[in-house]
C-alpha atoms as a PDB file:
ATOM      1  CA  UNK A   1       0.000   0.000   0.000  1.00  0.00           C
ATOM      2  CA  UNK A   2       1.347   3.412  -0.929  1.00  0.00           C
ATOM      3  CA  UNK A   3       1.894   5.547   2.152  1.00  0.00           C
ATOM      4  CA  UNK A   4      -0.194   8.685   2.365  1.00  0.00           C
ATOM      5  CA  UNK A   5       1.815  11.853   1.737  1.00  0.00           C
ATOM      6  CA  UNK A   6       1.139  14.667   4.160  1.00  0.00           C
ATOM      7  CA  UNK A   7       0.603  17.784   2.080  1.00  0.00           C
ATOM      8  CA  UNK A   8      -1.222  20.093   4.445  1.00  0.00           C
ATOM      9  CA  UNK A   9       1.696  22.539   4.563  1.00  0.00           C
ATOM     10  CA  UNK A  10       1.710  22.864   0.769  1.00  0.00           C
ATOM     11  CA  UNK A  11      -2.020  23.427   0.538  1.00  0.00           C
ATOM     12  CA  UNK A  12      -3.521  26.881   0.868  1.00  0.00           C
ATOM     13  CA  UNK A  13      -5.057  27.415   4.282  1.00  0.00           C
ATOM     14  CA  UNK A  14      -8.678  28.228   3.581  1.00  0.00           C
ATOM     15  CA  UNK A  15      -9.151  30.603   6.514  1.00  0.00           C
ATOM     16  CA  UNK A  16      -6.073  32.616   5.566  1.00  0.00           C
ATOM     17  CA  UNK A  17      -7.097  32.998   1.940  1.00  0.00           C
ATOM     18  CA  UNK A  18     -10.647  33.851   3.000  1.00  0.00           C
ATOM     19  CA  UNK A  19      -9.117  36.595   5.125  1.00  0.00           C
ATOM     20  CA  UNK A  20      -7.413  38.009   2.044  1.00  0.00           C
ATOM     21  CA  UNK A  21     -10.713  37.905   0.166  1.00  0.00           C
ATOM     22  CA  UNK A  22     -12.345  39.843   3.005  1.00  0.00           C
ATOM     23  CA  UNK A  23      -9.561  42.432   2.798  1.00  0.00           C
ATOM     24  CA  UNK A  24     -10.045  42.710  -0.972  1.00  0.00           C
ATOM     25  CA  UNK A  25     -13.800  43.203  -0.516  1.00  0.00           C
ATOM     26  CA  UNK A  26     -13.256  45.851   2.162  1.00  0.00           C
ATOM     27  CA  UNK A  27     -10.700  47.642  -0.011  1.00  0.00           C
ATOM     28  CA  UNK A  28     -12.906  47.530  -3.105  1.00  0.00           C
ATOM     29  CA  UNK A  29     -15.866  48.846  -1.098  1.00  0.00           C
ATOM     30  CA  UNK A  30     -13.796  51.698   0.320  1.00  0.00           C
ATOM     31  CA  UNK A  31     -12.414  52.652  -3.089  1.00  0.00           C
ATOM     32  CA  UNK A  32     -15.885  52.459  -4.636  1.00  0.00           C
ATOM     33  CA  UNK A  33     -17.271  54.663  -1.882  1.00  0.00           C
ATOM     34  CA  UNK A  34     -14.472  57.160  -2.400  1.00  0.00           C
ATOM     35  CA  UNK A  35     -14.987  57.164  -6.170  1.00  0.00           C
ATOM     36  CA  UNK A  36     -18.764  57.555  -5.845  1.00  0.00           C
ATOM     37  CA  UNK A  37     -19.144  60.028  -3.009  1.00  0.00           C
ATOM     38  CA  UNK A  38     -15.668  61.314  -2.173  1.00  0.00           C
ATOM     39  CA  UNK A  39     -15.117  62.542  -5.714  1.00  0.00           C
ATOM     40  CA  UNK A  40     -18.782  63.379  -6.323  1.00  0.00           C
ATOM     41  CA  UNK A  41     -20.158  64.794  -3.057  1.00  0.00           C
ATOM     42  CA  UNK A  42     -23.172  66.081  -4.964  1.00  0.00           C
ATOM     43  CA  UNK A  43     -24.371  62.452  -5.054  1.00  0.00           C
ATOM     44  CA  UNK A  44     -24.703  62.346  -1.269  1.00  0.00           C
ATOM     45  CA  UNK A  45     -28.434  62.498  -0.434  1.00  0.00           C
ATOM     46  CA  UNK A  46     -29.462  65.822   1.004  1.00  0.00           C
ATOM     47  CA  UNK A  47     -30.297  64.706   4.513  1.00  0.00           C
ATOM     48  CA  UNK A  48     -28.515  64.694   7.854  1.00  0.00           C
ATOM     49  CA  UNK A  49     -28.238  60.914   8.086  1.00  0.00           C
ATOM     50  CA  UNK A  50     -26.496  60.598   4.707  1.00  0.00           C
ATOM     51  CA  UNK A  51     -24.135  63.490   5.393  1.00  0.00           C
ATOM     52  CA  UNK A  52     -23.243  62.162   8.847  1.00  0.00           C
ATOM     53  CA  UNK A  53     -22.783  58.636   7.500  1.00  0.00           C
ATOM     54  CA  UNK A  54     -20.439  59.835   4.774  1.00  0.00           C
ATOM     55  CA  UNK A  55     -18.469  61.978   7.212  1.00  0.00           C
ATOM     56  CA  UNK A  56     -18.057  59.009   9.567  1.00  0.00           C
ATOM     57  CA  UNK A  57     -17.164  56.649   6.719  1.00  0.00           C
ATOM     58  CA  UNK A  58     -14.526  59.049   5.433  1.00  0.00           C
ATOM     59  CA  UNK A  59     -12.910  59.106   8.865  1.00  0.00           C
ATOM     60  CA  UNK A  60     -13.096  55.365   9.395  1.00  0.00           C
ATOM     61  CA  UNK A  61     -12.297  53.732   6.049  1.00  0.00           C
ATOM     62  CA  UNK A  62      -8.529  54.229   6.336  1.00  0.00           C
ATOM     63  CA  UNK A  63      -8.570  53.167   9.984  1.00  0.00           C
ATOM     64  CA  UNK A  64     -10.713  50.169   9.073  1.00  0.00           C
ATOM     65  CA  UNK A  65      -8.312  49.167   6.324  1.00  0.00           C
ATOM     66  CA  UNK A  66      -5.401  49.074   8.780  1.00  0.00           C
ATOM     67  CA  UNK A  67      -7.460  47.119  11.330  1.00  0.00           C
ATOM     68  CA  UNK A  68      -8.763  44.557   8.827  1.00  0.00           C
ATOM     69  CA  UNK A  69      -5.316  44.138   7.247  1.00  0.00           C
ATOM     70  CA  UNK A  70      -3.839  43.740  10.721  1.00  0.00           C
ATOM     71  CA  UNK A  71      -6.332  41.060  11.743  1.00  0.00           C
ATOM     72  CA  UNK A  72      -5.800  39.142   8.495  1.00  0.00           C
ATOM     73  CA  UNK A  73      -2.020  39.181   8.960  1.00  0.00           C
ATOM     74  CA  UNK A  74      -2.272  38.328  12.670  1.00  0.00           C
ATOM     75  CA  UNK A  75      -4.361  35.231  11.897  1.00  0.00           C
ATOM     76  CA  UNK A  76      -1.766  34.098   9.376  1.00  0.00           C
ATOM     77  CA  UNK A  77       1.149  34.673  11.727  1.00  0.00           C
ATOM     78  CA  UNK A  78      -0.508  33.097  14.758  1.00  0.00           C
ATOM     79  CA  UNK A  79      -1.423  29.951  12.859  1.00  0.00           C
ATOM     80  CA  UNK A  80       2.175  29.412  11.781  1.00  0.00           C
ATOM     81  CA  UNK A  81       4.285  30.933  14.554  1.00  0.00           C
ATOM     82  CA  UNK A  82       2.060  31.145  17.640  1.00  0.00           C
ATOM     83  CA  UNK A  83       3.113  34.363  19.402  1.00  0.00           C
ATOM     84  CA  UNK A  84       6.714  34.594  18.223  1.00  0.00           C
ATOM     85  CA  UNK A  85       5.793  37.314  15.716  1.00  0.00           C
ATOM     86  CA  UNK A  86       4.848  39.717  18.511  1.00  0.00           C
ATOM     87  CA  UNK A  87       8.521  40.569  19.092  1.00  0.00           C
ATOM     88  CA  UNK A  88       8.770  41.694  15.461  1.00  0.00           C
ATOM     89  CA  UNK A  89       5.577  43.706  15.791  1.00  0.00           C
ATOM     90  CA  UNK A  90       6.847  45.366  18.952  1.00  0.00           C
ATOM     91  CA  UNK A  91      10.234  46.240  17.459  1.00  0.00           C
ATOM     92  CA  UNK A  92       8.834  47.622  14.211  1.00  0.00           C
ATOM     93  CA  UNK A  93       6.066  49.538  15.981  1.00  0.00           C
ATOM     94  CA  UNK A  94       8.486  51.085  18.492  1.00  0.00           C
ATOM     95  CA  UNK A  95      11.139  52.059  15.945  1.00  0.00           C
ATOM     96  CA  UNK A  96       8.616  53.407  13.432  1.00  0.00           C
ATOM     97  CA  UNK A  97       6.900  55.390  16.189  1.00  0.00           C
ATOM     98  CA  UNK A  98      10.242  56.975  17.082  1.00  0.00           C
ATOM     99  CA  UNK A  99      10.844  57.875  13.438  1.00  0.00           C
ATOM    100  CA  UNK A 100       7.348  59.339  13.089  1.00  0.00           C
ATOM    101  CA  UNK A 101       7.486  61.166  16.414  1.00  0.00           C
ATOM    102  CA  UNK A 102      10.807  62.763  15.536  1.00  0.00           C
ATOM    103  CA  UNK A 103       9.563  63.442  12.006  1.00  0.00           C
ATOM    104  CA  UNK A 104       6.391  65.207  13.101  1.00  0.00           C
ATOM    105  CA  UNK A 105       8.290  67.204  15.697  1.00  0.00           C
ATOM    106  CA  UNK A 106      11.526  68.107  13.940  1.00  0.00           C
ATOM    107  CA  UNK A 107      11.044  67.396  10.233  1.00  0.00           C
ATOM    108  CA  UNK A 108      13.615  64.589  10.144  1.00  0.00           C
ATOM    109  CA  UNK A 109      13.934  62.149   8.387  1.00  0.00           C
ATOM    110  CA  UNK A 110      10.841  62.622   6.214  1.00  0.00           C
ATOM    111  CA  UNK A 111      10.515  66.386   6.036  1.00  0.00           C
ATOM    112  CA  UNK A 112       8.101  68.540   8.009  1.00  0.00           C
ATOM    113  CA  UNK A 113       4.563  67.166   8.226  1.00  0.00           C
ATOM    114  CA  UNK A 114       1.646  66.789  10.621  1.00  0.00           C
ATOM    115  CA  UNK A 115      -1.112  64.200  10.990  1.00  0.00           C
ATOM    116  CA  UNK A 116      -4.683  65.463  11.042  1.00  0.00           C
ATOM    117  CA  UNK A 117      -7.285  63.889  13.295  1.00  0.00           C
ATOM    118  CA  UNK A 118      -8.645  61.515  10.644  1.00  0.00           C
ATOM    119  CA  UNK A 119      -6.544  58.548  11.794  1.00  0.00           C
ATOM    120  CA  UNK A 120      -7.702  58.721  15.393  1.00  0.00           C
ATOM    121  CA  UNK A 121      -5.930  58.877  18.741  1.00  0.00           C
ATOM    122  CA  UNK A 122      -2.348  60.135  18.635  1.00  0.00           C
ATOM    123  CA  UNK A 123       0.509  58.728  20.685  1.00  0.00           C
ATOM    124  CA  UNK A 124       2.566  61.525  22.198  1.00  0.00           C
ATOM    125  CA  UNK A 125       0.072  63.950  20.742  1.00  0.00           C
ATOM    126  CA  UNK A 126       1.576  63.585  17.258  1.00  0.00           C
ATOM    127  CA  UNK A 127       1.519  60.031  15.853  1.00  0.00           C
ATOM    128  CA  UNK A 128      -1.774  58.179  15.327  1.00  0.00           C
ATOM    129  CA  UNK A 129      -1.852  54.872  17.220  1.00  0.00           C
ATOM    130  CA  UNK A 130      -2.519  52.933  14.012  1.00  0.00           C
ATOM    131  CA  UNK A 131       0.513  54.273  12.138  1.00  0.00           C
ATOM    132  CA  UNK A 132       3.202  52.104  13.810  1.00  0.00           C
ATOM    133  CA  UNK A 133       0.966  49.081  13.219  1.00  0.00           C
ATOM    134  CA  UNK A 134       0.645  49.958   9.547  1.00  0.00           C
ATOM    135  CA  UNK A 135       4.452  50.033   9.245  1.00  0.00           C
ATOM    136  CA  UNK A 136       4.579  46.426  10.453  1.00  0.00           C
ATOM    137  CA  UNK A 137       1.858  45.370   8.003  1.00  0.00           C
ATOM    138  CA  UNK A 138       4.168  46.164   5.091  1.00  0.00           C
ATOM    139  CA  UNK A 139       7.616  45.918   6.690  1.00  0.00           C
ATOM    140  CA  UNK A 140       7.283  42.209   7.428  1.00  0.00           C
ATOM    141  CA  UNK A 141       6.013  41.245   3.939  1.00  0.00           C
ATOM    142  CA  UNK A 142       8.754  43.443   2.430  1.00  0.00           C
ATOM    143  CA  UNK A 143      11.396  41.556   4.430  1.00  0.00           C
ATOM    144  CA  UNK A 144       9.958  38.162   3.450  1.00  0.00           C
ATOM    145  CA  UNK A 145       9.846  39.079  -0.248  1.00  0.00           C
ATOM    146  CA  UNK A 146      13.387  40.465  -0.048  1.00  0.00           C
ATOM    147  CA  UNK A 147      14.420  37.134   1.468  1.00  0.00           C
ATOM    148  CA  UNK A 148      13.126  35.414  -1.627  1.00  0.00           C
ATOM    149  CA  UNK A 149      15.340  37.607  -3.782  1.00  0.00           C
ATOM    150  CA  UNK A 150      18.412  37.437  -1.540  1.00  0.00           C
ATOM    151  CA  UNK A 151      17.982  34.246   0.482  1.00  0.00           C
ATOM    152  CA  UNK A 152      21.518  33.438   1.630  1.00  0.00           C
ATOM    153  CA  UNK A 153      23.039  34.532   4.909  1.00  0.00           C
ATOM    154  CA  UNK A 154      25.896  36.140   2.989  1.00  0.00           C
ATOM    155  CA  UNK A 155      23.413  38.425   1.252  1.00  0.00           C
ATOM    156  CA  UNK A 156      22.258  40.184   4.417  1.00  0.00           C
ATOM    157  CA  UNK A 157      23.100  43.708   3.229  1.00  0.00           C
ATOM    158  CA  UNK A 158      21.395  43.345  -0.199  1.00  0.00           C
ATOM    159  CA  UNK A 159      18.412  41.775   1.584  1.00  0.00           C
ATOM    160  CA  UNK A 160      18.105  44.730   3.968  1.00  0.00           C
ATOM    161  CA  UNK A 161      18.345  47.203   1.087  1.00  0.00           C
ATOM    162  CA  UNK A 162      15.767  45.319  -0.973  1.00  0.00           C
ATOM    163  CA  UNK A 163      13.399  45.070   1.986  1.00  0.00           C
ATOM    164  CA  UNK A 164      13.676  48.820   2.598  1.00  0.00           C
ATOM    165  CA  UNK A 165      13.170  49.428  -1.130  1.00  0.00           C
ATOM    166  CA  UNK A 166       9.987  47.303  -1.246  1.00  0.00           C
ATOM    167  CA  UNK A 167       8.691  49.180   1.785  1.00  0.00           C
ATOM    168  CA  UNK A 168       9.508  52.570   0.255  1.00  0.00           C
ATOM    169  CA  UNK A 169       7.861  51.660  -3.057  1.00  0.00           C
ATOM    170  CA  UNK A 170       4.552  51.445  -1.168  1.00  0.00           C
ATOM    171  CA  UNK A 171       4.790  55.170  -0.407  1.00  0.00           C
ATOM    172  CA  UNK A 172       4.924  56.109  -4.083  1.00  0.00           C
ATOM    173  CA  UNK A 173       1.177  55.462  -4.129  1.00  0.00           C
ATOM    174  CA  UNK A 174       0.378  55.855  -0.427  1.00  0.00           C
ATOM    175  CA  UNK A 175       1.490  59.443   0.007  1.00  0.00           C
ATOM    176  CA  UNK A 176      -0.302  60.919  -3.025  1.00  0.00           C
ATOM    177  CA  UNK A 177      -3.475  59.067  -2.009  1.00  0.00           C
ATOM    178  CA  UNK A 178      -3.425  59.960   1.677  1.00  0.00           C
ATOM    179  CA  UNK A 179      -1.987  63.477   1.676  1.00  0.00           C
ATOM    180  CA  UNK A 180      -2.801  64.856  -1.787  1.00  0.00           C
ATOM    181  CA  UNK A 181      -6.207  63.313  -2.477  1.00  0.00           C
ATOM    182  CA  UNK A 182      -7.234  63.166   1.176  1.00  0.00           C
ATOM    183  CA  UNK A 183      -5.891  65.119   4.179  1.00  0.00           C
ATOM    184  CA  UNK A 184      -4.749  62.328   6.488  1.00  0.00           C
ATOM    185  CA  UNK A 185      -1.472  64.212   6.883  1.00  0.00           C
ATOM    186  CA  UNK A 186      -0.281  67.550   5.554  1.00  0.00           C
ATOM    187  CA  UNK A 187       3.202  68.661   4.517  1.00  0.00           C
ATOM    188  CA  UNK A 188       4.724  71.752   6.051  1.00  0.00           C
ATOM    189  CA  UNK A 189       6.445  72.591   2.762  1.00  0.00           C
ATOM    190  CA  UNK A 190       4.717  70.693  -0.066  1.00  0.00           C
ATOM    191  CA  UNK A 191       7.074  69.061  -2.517  1.00  0.00           C
ATOM    192  CA  UNK A 192       6.958  68.317  -6.257  1.00  0.00           C
ATOM    193  CA  UNK A 193       5.514  64.782  -6.161  1.00  0.00           C
ATOM    194  CA  UNK A 194       1.843  65.482  -5.461  1.00  0.00           C
ATOM    195  CA  UNK A 195       2.811  67.506  -2.429  1.00  0.00           C
ATOM    196  CA  UNK A 196       5.423  65.026  -1.171  1.00  0.00           C
ATOM    197  CA  UNK A 197       9.022  66.295  -0.835  1.00  0.00           C
ATOM    198  CA  UNK A 198      11.686  63.988  -2.246  1.00  0.00           C
ATOM    199  CA  UNK A 199      13.411  63.800   1.118  1.00  0.00           C
ATOM    200  CA  UNK A 200      10.455  61.733   2.292  1.00  0.00           C
ATOM    201  CA  UNK A 201      11.594  58.813   0.137  1.00  0.00           C
ATOM    202  CA  UNK A 202      15.074  59.029   1.648  1.00  0.00           C
ATOM    203  CA  UNK A 203      13.453  59.003   5.070  1.00  0.00           C
ATOM    204  CA  UNK A 204      11.467  55.905   4.150  1.00  0.00           C
ATOM    205  CA  UNK A 205      14.587  54.130   2.912  1.00  0.00           C
ATOM    206  CA  UNK A 206      16.535  55.024   6.036  1.00  0.00           C
ATOM    207  CA  UNK A 207      13.714  54.000   8.341  1.00  0.00           C
ATOM    208  CA  UNK A 208      13.156  50.880   6.275  1.00  0.00           C
ATOM    209  CA  UNK A 209      16.794  49.848   6.654  1.00  0.00           C
ATOM    210  CA  UNK A 210      16.504  50.167  10.428  1.00  0.00           C
ATOM    211  CA  UNK A 211      13.297  48.110  10.479  1.00  0.00           C
ATOM    212  CA  UNK A 212      14.762  45.424   8.234  1.00  0.00           C
ATOM    213  CA  UNK A 213      17.838  45.299  10.457  1.00  0.00           C
ATOM    214  CA  UNK A 214      15.640  44.836  13.515  1.00  0.00           C
ATOM    215  CA  UNK A 215      13.814  41.938  11.862  1.00  0.00           C
ATOM    216  CA  UNK A 216      17.160  40.360  10.977  1.00  0.00           C
ATOM    217  CA  UNK A 217      18.446  40.731  14.543  1.00  0.00           C
ATOM    218  CA  UNK A 218      15.258  39.131  15.867  1.00  0.00           C
ATOM    219  CA  UNK A 219      15.873  36.172  13.535  1.00  0.00           C
ATOM    220  CA  UNK A 220      12.361  36.291  12.117  1.00  0.00           C
ATOM    221  CA  UNK A 221      13.508  33.772   9.510  1.00  0.00           C
ATOM    222  CA  UNK A 222      12.983  31.085  12.152  1.00  0.00           C
ATOM    223  CA  UNK A 223       9.219  31.548  11.854  1.00  0.00           C
ATOM    224  CA  UNK A 224       8.680  33.359   8.543  1.00  0.00           C
ATOM    225  CA  UNK A 225      10.147  30.256   6.848  1.00  0.00           C
ATOM    226  CA  UNK A 226       6.827  28.555   7.549  1.00  0.00           C
ATOM    227  CA  UNK A 227       4.781  31.146   5.698  1.00  0.00           C
ATOM    228  CA  UNK A 228       3.413  30.602   2.207  1.00  0.00           C
ATOM    229  CA  UNK A 229       5.258  33.161   0.081  1.00  0.00           C
ATOM    230  CA  UNK A 230       2.406  33.190  -2.434  1.00  0.00           C
ATOM    231  CA  UNK A 231       0.099  34.386   0.330  1.00  0.00           C
ATOM    232  CA  UNK A 232       2.631  36.987   1.518  1.00  0.00           C
ATOM    233  CA  UNK A 233       3.013  38.376  -2.003  1.00  0.00           C
ATOM    234  CA  UNK A 234      -0.775  38.490  -2.450  1.00  0.00           C
ATOM    235  CA  UNK A 235      -1.120  40.279   0.896  1.00  0.00           C
ATOM    236  CA  UNK A 236       1.519  42.864  -0.035  1.00  0.00           C
ATOM    237  CA  UNK A 237      -0.275  43.623  -3.304  1.00  0.00           C
ATOM    238  CA  UNK A 238      -3.742  43.720  -1.707  1.00  0.00           C
ATOM    239  CA  UNK A 239      -2.595  46.263   0.910  1.00  0.00           C
ATOM    240  CA  UNK A 240      -1.084  48.308  -1.922  1.00  0.00           C
ATOM    241  CA  UNK A 241      -4.434  48.151  -3.723  1.00  0.00           C
ATOM    242  CA  UNK A 242      -6.051  50.774  -1.458  1.00  0.00           C
ATOM    243  CA  UNK A 243      -3.903  53.791  -2.445  1.00  0.00           C
ATOM    244  CA  UNK A 244      -3.582  52.557  -6.034  1.00  0.00           C
ATOM    245  CA  UNK A 245      -7.362  52.209  -6.286  1.00  0.00           C
ATOM    246  CA  UNK A 246      -7.934  55.709  -4.927  1.00  0.00           C
ATOM    247  CA  UNK A 247      -5.468  57.175  -7.405  1.00  0.00           C
ATOM    248  CA  UNK A 248      -7.014  55.264 -10.303  1.00  0.00           C
ATOM    249  CA  UNK A 249     -10.491  56.456  -9.292  1.00  0.00           C
ATOM    250  CA  UNK A 250      -9.170  60.019  -9.356  1.00  0.00           C
ATOM    251  CA  UNK A 251      -7.470  59.581 -12.712  1.00  0.00           C
ATOM    252  CA  UNK A 252      -4.012  60.249 -11.267  1.00  0.00           C
ATOM    253  CA  UNK A 253      -1.783  57.785 -13.098  1.00  0.00           C
ATOM    254  CA  UNK A 254       1.776  58.998 -12.576  1.00  0.00           C
ATOM    255  CA  UNK A 255       2.119  57.567  -9.023  1.00  0.00           C
ATOM    256  CA  UNK A 256       0.566  54.292 -10.225  1.00  0.00           C
ATOM    257  CA  UNK A 257       3.027  54.113 -13.103  1.00  0.00           C
ATOM    258  CA  UNK A 258       5.913  54.955 -10.759  1.00  0.00           C
ATOM    259  CA  UNK A 259       4.816  52.185  -8.391  1.00  0.00           C
ATOM    260  CA  UNK A 260       4.565  49.695 -11.247  1.00  0.00           C
ATOM    261  CA  UNK A 261       7.998  50.589 -12.586  1.00  0.00           C
ATOM    262  CA  UNK A 262       9.489  50.361  -9.100  1.00  0.00           C
ATOM    263  CA  UNK A 263       7.996  46.937  -8.393  1.00  0.00           C
ATOM    264  CA  UNK A 264       7.839  45.075 -11.693  1.00  0.00           C
ATOM    265  CA  UNK A 265      11.384  43.683 -11.517  1.00  0.00           C
ATOM    266  CA  UNK A 266      11.544  42.711  -7.821  1.00  0.00           C
ATOM    267  CA  UNK A 267       8.043  41.224  -7.869  1.00  0.00           C
ATOM    268  CA  UNK A 268       8.882  39.354 -11.063  1.00  0.00           C
ATOM    269  CA  UNK A 269      12.033  38.108  -9.358  1.00  0.00           C
ATOM    270  CA  UNK A 270      10.009  36.883  -6.377  1.00  0.00           C
ATOM    271  CA  UNK A 271       7.537  35.061  -8.605  1.00  0.00           C
ATOM    272  CA  UNK A 272      10.325  33.369 -10.540  1.00  0.00           C
ATOM    273  CA  UNK A 273      12.068  32.464  -7.281  1.00  0.00           C
ATOM    274  CA  UNK A 274       9.012  30.563  -6.136  1.00  0.00           C
ATOM    275  CA  UNK A 275       9.635  27.948  -8.778  1.00  0.00           C
ATOM    276  CA  UNK A 276      13.413  28.103  -9.152  1.00  0.00           C
ATOM    277  CA  UNK A 277      15.287  25.347  -7.371  1.00  0.00           C
ATOM    278  CA  UNK A 278      18.280  26.843  -5.601  1.00  0.00           C
ATOM    279  CA  UNK A 279      21.457  25.022  -4.588  1.00  0.00           C
ATOM    280  CA  UNK A 280      21.309  23.097  -1.329  1.00  0.00           C
ATOM    281  CA  UNK A 281      23.409  25.694   0.527  1.00  0.00           C
ATOM    282  CA  UNK A 282      20.714  28.306  -0.058  1.00  0.00           C
ATOM    283  CA  UNK A 283      17.210  28.377   1.275  1.00  0.00           C
ATOM    284  CA  UNK A 284      14.952  26.068  -0.659  1.00  0.00           C
ATOM    285  CA  UNK A 285      11.343  26.609  -1.567  1.00  0.00           C
ATOM    286  CA  UNK A 286       8.857  23.836  -0.961  1.00  0.00           C
ATOM    287  CA  UNK A 287       5.301  24.335  -2.063  1.00  0.00           C
ATOM    288  CA  UNK A 288       5.709  28.094  -2.205  1.00  0.00           C
ATOM    289  CA  UNK A 289       7.303  28.290   1.262  1.00  0.00           C
ATOM    290  CA  UNK A 290      10.723  29.224   2.429  1.00  0.00           C
ATOM    291  CA  UNK A 291      12.443  26.185   3.829  1.00  0.00           C
END
């Protein structure tokens, strides 16, 4: 009798993929609402309930996106690493909060800017509570994808740079969507890229390098190796879909094109790496997972 082959690790986990579908539905609904009413406020019914509902929705859709994305990622991480991922969350949240707190107070390293009240309660009176969490939601996937491109232990420096780059590429769409189209934060001295100063990208790269270094020091590879890279890539792209969708709805294509150009090669590299068998001394991929 042929022994049964255990393949549960290579099979998509239904709950985790359902979570991604929920995130896609939430994102599509938010973008549709923005396109319908945010860009055409004349379509809002002329009554107090409709106006209040739209005002509340406008405040909550970005917060809701971070919360839903956070829950979806937390389910994935808990199922495959128990609570070991919390150290990574804590490190990234703390370091990103420091960067944001210094940035909003002294204009370094991103340039001078200030968060409005749309993202809710502010830590230290300056940084919305959800912002450090949102850094983790993309920093960890960026590190995992960078590990697919530069998997060996000798490639630590290129891996850190690529992780920071993948994180920074997110802001090419995020900043125009959240500070130019909508006032979630405002720049003290607006720059040439839809209000964003170029120094902001340098600040993202610098902060990204610190976050990637923290993840390396915490040896997150010991538990990220169990994650399905196909899911991680899908998650990264779905989170990116919110700002890209808002820009597309507004007919602003330059940031979308810039994001595509920035990501087409590394994402293509990741996809090809999923099915390329590396030498035994490197990390190997089994069923779309780092092993």
